[in-house]
C-alpha atoms as a PDB file:
ATOM      1  CA  MET A   1     265.666  45.009-182.929  1.00  0.00           C
ATOM      2  CA  ASP A   2     267.396  43.827-179.735  1.00  0.00           C
ATOM      3  CA  GLN A   3     265.691  46.437-177.776  1.00  0.00           C
ATOM      4  CA  MET A   4     262.514  45.384-178.776  1.00  0.00           C
ATOM      5  CA  LEU A   5     263.205  41.760-178.082  1.00  0.00           C
ATOM      6  CA  ASN A   6     264.690  42.557-174.536  1.00  0.00           C
ATOM      7  CA  LYS A   7     261.366  44.389-173.785  1.00  0.00           C
ATOM      8  CA  VAL A   8     259.166  41.438-175.191  1.00  0.00           C
ATOM      9  CA  GLY A   9     261.226  39.063-173.382  1.00  0.00           C
ATOM     10  CA  SER A  10     261.222  41.252-169.969  1.00  0.00           C
ATOM     11  CA  TYR A  11     257.376  41.578-170.323  1.00  0.00           C
ATOM     12  CA  TRP A  12     256.839  37.832-171.023  1.00  0.00           C
ATOM     13  CA  LEU A  13     259.239  37.040-168.133  1.00  0.00           C
ATOM     14  CA  GLY A  14     257.532  39.406-165.865  1.00  0.00           C
ATOM     15  CA  GLN A  15     254.168  37.854-166.506  1.00  0.00           C
ATOM     16  CA  LYS A  16     255.389  34.566-166.109  1.00  0.00           C
ATOM     17  CA  ALA A  17     257.040  35.416-162.569  1.00  0.00           C
ATOM     18  CA  ASN A  18     253.693  37.124-161.540  1.00  0.00           C
ATOM     19  CA  LYS A  19     251.734  33.857-162.325  1.00  0.00           C
ATOM     20  CA  GLN A  20     254.317  31.894-160.369  1.00  0.00           C
ATOM     21  CA  PHE A  21     253.904  34.030-157.337  1.00  0.00           C
ATOM     22  CA  ASP A  22     250.160  34.242-157.435  1.00  0.00           C
ATOM     23  CA  SER A  23     249.927  30.307-157.552  1.00  0.00           C
ATOM     24  CA  VAL A  24     252.212  30.216-154.486  1.00  0.00           C
ATOM     25  CA  GLY A  25     249.102  30.731-151.919  1.00  0.00           C
ATOM     26  CA  ASP A  26     247.228  27.934-154.088  1.00  0.00           C
ATOM     27  CA  ASP A  27     250.054  25.720-153.918  1.00  0.00           C
ATOM     28  CA  ILE A  28     250.377  25.859-150.108  1.00  0.00           C
ATOM     29  CA  ASN A  29     246.604  25.230-149.793  1.00  0.00           C
ATOM     30  CA  SER A  30     247.038  22.156-152.109  1.00  0.00           C
ATOM     31  CA  ILE A  31     250.136  20.928-150.336  1.00  0.00           C
ATOM     32  CA  SER A  32     248.162  21.145-147.091  1.00  0.00           C
ATOM     33  CA  THR A  33     245.398  18.884-148.633  1.00  0.00           C
ATOM     34  CA  SER A  34     247.543  16.316-150.060  1.00  0.00           C
ATOM     35  CA  ILE A  35     250.224  15.660-147.594  1.00  0.00           C
ATOM     36  CA  GLU A  36     249.736  13.121-144.727  1.00  0.00           C
ATOM     37  CA  GLY A  37     251.266  12.891-141.427  1.00  0.00           C
ATOM     38  CA  GLY A  38     253.425  15.215-139.402  1.00  0.00           C
ATOM     39  CA  THR A  39     253.939  17.678-142.313  1.00  0.00           C
ATOM     40  CA  LYS A  40     250.507  18.812-142.665  1.00  0.00           C
ATOM     41  CA  TRP A  41     250.914  20.502-138.928  1.00  0.00           C
ATOM     42  CA  LEU A  42     253.680  22.380-140.246  1.00  0.00           C
ATOM     43  CA  VAL A  43     251.778  23.589-143.218  1.00  0.00           C
ATOM     44  CA  ASN A  44     249.088  24.930-140.914  1.00  0.00           C
ATOM     45  CA  LYS A  45     251.681  26.351-138.551  1.00  0.00           C
ATOM     46  CA  ILE A  46     253.100  28.355-141.597  1.00  0.00           C
ATOM     47  CA  LYS A  47     249.422  29.358-142.547  1.00  0.00           C
ATOM     48  CA  GLY A  48     248.669  30.477-139.291  1.00  0.00           C
ATOM     49  CA  THR A  49     245.917  28.090-138.266  1.00  0.00           C
ATOM     50  CA  MET A  50     247.332  26.170-135.355  1.00  0.00           C
ATOM     51  CA  GLN A  51     245.208  24.021-133.031  1.00  0.00           C
ATOM     52  CA  LYS A  52     245.155  24.090-129.457  1.00  0.00           C
ATOM     53  CA  PRO A  53     247.356  21.829-127.674  1.00  0.00           C
ATOM     54  CA  LEU A  54     246.357  18.016-127.484  1.00  0.00           C
ATOM     55  CA  PRO A  55     245.973  18.064-123.654  1.00  0.00           C
ATOM     56  CA  GLU A  56     243.493  21.173-123.992  1.00  0.00           C
ATOM     57  CA  LEU A  57     241.535  19.062-126.634  1.00  0.00           C
ATOM     58  CA  LEU A  58     241.552  16.138-124.216  1.00  0.00           C
ATOM     59  CA  LYS A  59     240.122  18.094-121.374  1.00  0.00           C
ATOM     60  CA  GLU A  60     237.405  19.677-123.483  1.00  0.00           C
ATOM     61  CA  TYR A  61     236.352  15.853-123.963  1.00  0.00           C
ATOM     62  CA  ASP A  62     236.660  15.181-120.431  1.00  0.00           C
ATOM     63  CA  LEU A  63     239.453  12.712-120.902  1.00  0.00           C
ATOM     64  CA  PRO A  64     242.587  12.606-118.949  1.00  0.00           C
ATOM     65  CA  VAL A  65     245.492  14.637-120.416  1.00  0.00           C
ATOM     66  CA  GLY A  66     248.118  12.106-119.719  1.00  0.00           C
ATOM     67  CA  ILE A  67     246.638   9.278-121.934  1.00  0.00           C
ATOM     68  CA  PHE A  68     249.128   9.944-124.830  1.00  0.00           C
ATOM     69  CA  PRO A  69     252.872  10.463-124.232  1.00  0.00           C
ATOM     70  CA  ARG A  70     254.528  13.937-123.714  1.00  0.00           C
ATOM     71  CA  ASP A  71     256.054  14.316-127.089  1.00  0.00           C
ATOM     72  CA  ALA A  72     252.684  13.362-128.711  1.00  0.00           C
ATOM     73  CA  THR A  73     252.114  17.094-129.487  1.00  0.00           C
ATOM     74  CA  ASN A  74     250.931  16.916-133.216  1.00  0.00           C
ATOM     75  CA  TYR A  75     247.441  16.101-134.056  1.00  0.00           C
ATOM     76  CA  GLU A  76     244.768  16.397-136.297  1.00  0.00           C
ATOM     77  CA  PHE A  77     241.218  16.662-135.360  1.00  0.00           C
ATOM     78  CA  ASP A  78     237.962  16.807-137.845  1.00  0.00           C
ATOM     79  CA  GLU A  79     235.384  18.720-136.098  1.00  0.00           C
ATOM     80  CA  GLN A  80     232.831  17.228-138.351  1.00  0.00           C
ATOM     81  CA  THR A  81     233.520  13.274-138.036  1.00  0.00           C
ATOM     82  CA  LYS A  82     235.246  13.972-134.522  1.00  0.00           C
ATOM     83  CA  LYS A  83     238.134  11.641-135.931  1.00  0.00           C
ATOM     84  CA  LEU A  84     241.458  12.308-134.062  1.00  0.00           C
ATOM     85  CA  THR A  85     244.834  11.322-135.501  1.00  0.00           C
ATOM     86  CA  VAL A  86     247.550  11.842-132.974  1.00  0.00           C
ATOM     87  CA  LEU A  87     251.218  11.715-134.320  1.00  0.00           C
ATOM     88  CA  ILE A  88     254.015  10.272-132.148  1.00  0.00           C
ATOM     89  CA  PRO A  89     257.619  10.708-133.060  1.00  0.00           C
ATOM     90  CA  SER A  90     258.489   6.902-132.457  1.00  0.00           C
ATOM     91  CA  VAL A  91     256.996   3.744-131.401  1.00  0.00           C
ATOM     92  CA  CYS A  92     256.981   4.038-127.649  1.00  0.00           C
ATOM     93  CA  GLU A  93     255.866   2.772-124.098  1.00  0.00           C
ATOM     94  CA  VAL A  94     254.422   4.881-121.268  1.00  0.00           C
ATOM     95  CA  GLY A  95     254.788   3.572-117.810  1.00  0.00           C
ATOM     96  CA  TYR A  96     251.724   5.431-115.290  1.00  0.00           C
ATOM     97  CA  LYS A  97     252.109   5.567-111.547  1.00  0.00           C
ATOM     98  CA  ASP A  98     249.458   2.801-111.216  1.00  0.00           C
ATOM     99  CA  SER A  99     252.117   0.293-112.784  1.00  0.00           C
ATOM    100  CA  SER A 100     250.147   0.151-115.917  1.00  0.00           C
ATOM    101  CA  VAL A 101     251.974   0.536-119.376  1.00  0.00           C
ATOM    102  CA  LEU A 102     250.504   1.739-122.619  1.00  0.00           C
ATOM    103  CA  LYS A 103     252.446   1.223-125.946  1.00  0.00           C
ATOM    104  CA  PHE A 104     251.825   3.393-128.919  1.00  0.00           C
ATOM    105  CA  THR A 105     252.425   3.158-132.704  1.00  0.00           C
ATOM    106  CA  THR A 106     253.574   6.414-134.507  1.00  0.00           C
ATOM    107  CA  THR A 107     249.937   7.184-135.602  1.00  0.00           C
ATOM    108  CA  VAL A 108     247.153   6.518-133.126  1.00  0.00           C
ATOM    109  CA  THR A 109     243.483   7.075-134.352  1.00  0.00           C
ATOM    110  CA  GLY A 110     240.039   7.278-132.851  1.00  0.00           C
ATOM    111  CA  TYR A 111     236.975   8.825-132.749  1.00  0.00           C
ATOM    112  CA  LEU A 112     236.030  11.761-129.735  1.00  0.00           C
ATOM    113  CA  GLU A 113     232.788  11.818-128.079  1.00  0.00           C
ATOM    114  CA  LYS A 114     232.240  13.519-124.376  1.00  0.00           C
ATOM    115  CA  GLY A 115     234.214  11.140-121.983  1.00  0.00           C
ATOM    116  CA  LYS A 116     235.276   8.769-124.587  1.00  0.00           C
ATOM    117  CA  LEU A 117     237.942   7.821-127.357  1.00  0.00           C
ATOM    118  CA  GLY A 118     236.324   5.073-129.485  1.00  0.00           C
ATOM    119  CA  ASP A 119     237.577   2.877-132.553  1.00  0.00           C
ATOM    120  CA  VAL A 120     241.045   3.383-131.399  1.00  0.00           C
ATOM    121  CA  GLU A 121     243.842   2.124-133.482  1.00  0.00           C
ATOM    122  CA  GLY A 122     247.536   2.057-132.732  1.00  0.00           C
ATOM    123  CA  MET A 123     247.517   1.733-128.977  1.00  0.00           C
ATOM    124  CA  LYS A 124     248.098  -1.374-126.700  1.00  0.00           C
ATOM    125  CA  THR A 125     248.055  -2.116-122.921  1.00  0.00           C
ATOM    126  CA  LYS A 126     249.633  -4.780-121.112  1.00  0.00           C
ATOM    127  CA  VAL A 127     247.416  -7.322-119.151  1.00  0.00           C
ATOM    128  CA  MET A 128     249.343 -10.445-119.055  1.00  0.00           C
ATOM    129  CA  ILE A 129     250.093 -10.254-122.827  1.00  0.00           C
ATOM    130  CA  TRP A 130     249.989  -6.697-124.993  1.00  0.00           C
ATOM    131  CA  VAL A 131     246.480  -6.410-126.116  1.00  0.00           C
ATOM    132  CA  LYS A 132     244.966  -3.827-128.445  1.00  0.00           C
ATOM    133  CA  VAL A 133     242.961  -1.100-126.989  1.00  0.00           C
ATOM    134  CA  THR A 134     239.852  -0.331-128.908  1.00  0.00           C
ATOM    135  CA  SER A 135     238.170   2.471-126.572  1.00  0.00           C
ATOM    136  CA  ILE A 136     239.051   4.470-123.770  1.00  0.00           C
ATOM    137  CA  SER A 137     236.281   6.174-121.598  1.00  0.00           C
ATOM    138  CA  ALA A 138     236.464   8.257-118.330  1.00  0.00           C
ATOM    139  CA  ASP A 139     234.298   9.506-115.712  1.00  0.00           C
ATOM    140  CA  SER A 140     235.187  11.673-112.587  1.00  0.00           C
ATOM    141  CA  SER A 141     237.317   9.074-110.916  1.00  0.00           C
ATOM    142  CA  LYS A 142     238.135   6.084-113.211  1.00  0.00           C
ATOM    143  CA  VAL A 143     239.702   5.813-116.817  1.00  0.00           C
ATOM    144  CA  TYR A 144     238.123   2.469-118.596  1.00  0.00           C
ATOM    145  CA  PHE A 145     240.394   0.760-121.214  1.00  0.00           C
ATOM    146  CA  THR A 146     238.696  -1.738-123.339  1.00  0.00           C
ATOM    147  CA  ALA A 147     241.231  -4.387-124.646  1.00  0.00           C
ATOM    148  CA  GLY A 148     239.130  -7.474-125.108  1.00  0.00           C
ATOM    149  CA  MET A 149     237.569  -6.861-121.782  1.00  0.00           C
ATOM    150  CA  LYS A 150     236.872  -3.503-120.157  1.00  0.00           C
ATOM    151  CA  LYS A 151     239.286  -2.692-117.341  1.00  0.00           C
ATOM    152  CA  SER A 152     239.168   0.225-115.032  1.00  0.00           C
ATOM    153  CA  ARG A 153     242.023   2.465-113.530  1.00  0.00           C
ATOM    154  CA  ASN A 154     242.402   5.352-111.345  1.00  0.00           C
ATOM    155  CA  ARG A 155     242.041   8.397-113.316  1.00  0.00           C
ATOM    156  CA  ASP A 156     244.661  10.454-111.400  1.00  0.00           C
ATOM    157  CA  ALA A 157     247.285   8.037-112.870  1.00  0.00           C
ATOM    158  CA  TYR A 158     246.402   9.477-116.255  1.00  0.00           C
ATOM    159  CA  GLU A 159     246.200  13.342-115.317  1.00  0.00           C
ATOM    160  CA  VAL A 160     249.728  13.917-115.920  1.00  0.00           C
ATOM    161  CA  LEU A 161     251.730  13.988-118.918  1.00  0.00           C
ATOM    162  CA  ARG A 162     254.777  11.253-119.018  1.00  0.00           C
ATOM    163  CA  ASP A 163     257.521  10.785-121.465  1.00  0.00           C
ATOM    164  CA  GLY A 164     257.414   7.653-123.732  1.00  0.00           C
ATOM    165  CA  LEU A 165     260.172   4.932-123.434  1.00  0.00           C
ATOM    166  CA  ARG A 166     261.267   4.229-127.289  1.00  0.00           C
ATOM    167  CA  VAL A 167     260.734   0.671-128.215  1.00  0.00           C
ATOM    168  CA  ASP A 168     261.743  -1.099-131.327  1.00  0.00           C
ATOM    169  CA  LYS A 169     258.344  -2.493-132.511  1.00  0.00           C
ATOM    170  CA  PHE A 170     254.651  -2.210-131.707  1.00  0.00           C
END
């Protein structure tokens, strides 16, 4: 009787274990779709579906590679809607060689088009006071920041990745 219960128990345990192992792949996909922020890129990396580096994506859309801080390496990009979400480790400011300064929250979003990042959320520039950047566009020699009014800056100031200086608040 004990042998029979052991066999039944082993069989039942084995079946349960197989079901659990089979569902791991489904769980990873489910986790990938339900978590937000920086963890999603980690799940994608584990699954082997990494996106190209952010500077390459910006180049493809004719935007300067240095409009985000150097440590903004994690991002999500929806090919259908063109929504870009850039994840930055901490609130920071970046100074550029033309003396301009941009401030970033930990999540910056916008919609990419050729030569433009529109509907920007999570970025400010200093004019005389900090003003919310709503759009960034670029041509071959200039970058245009819309922050209440459109302000042009030399593009070459934004072609180099720069470190962000951590600040307390956005």
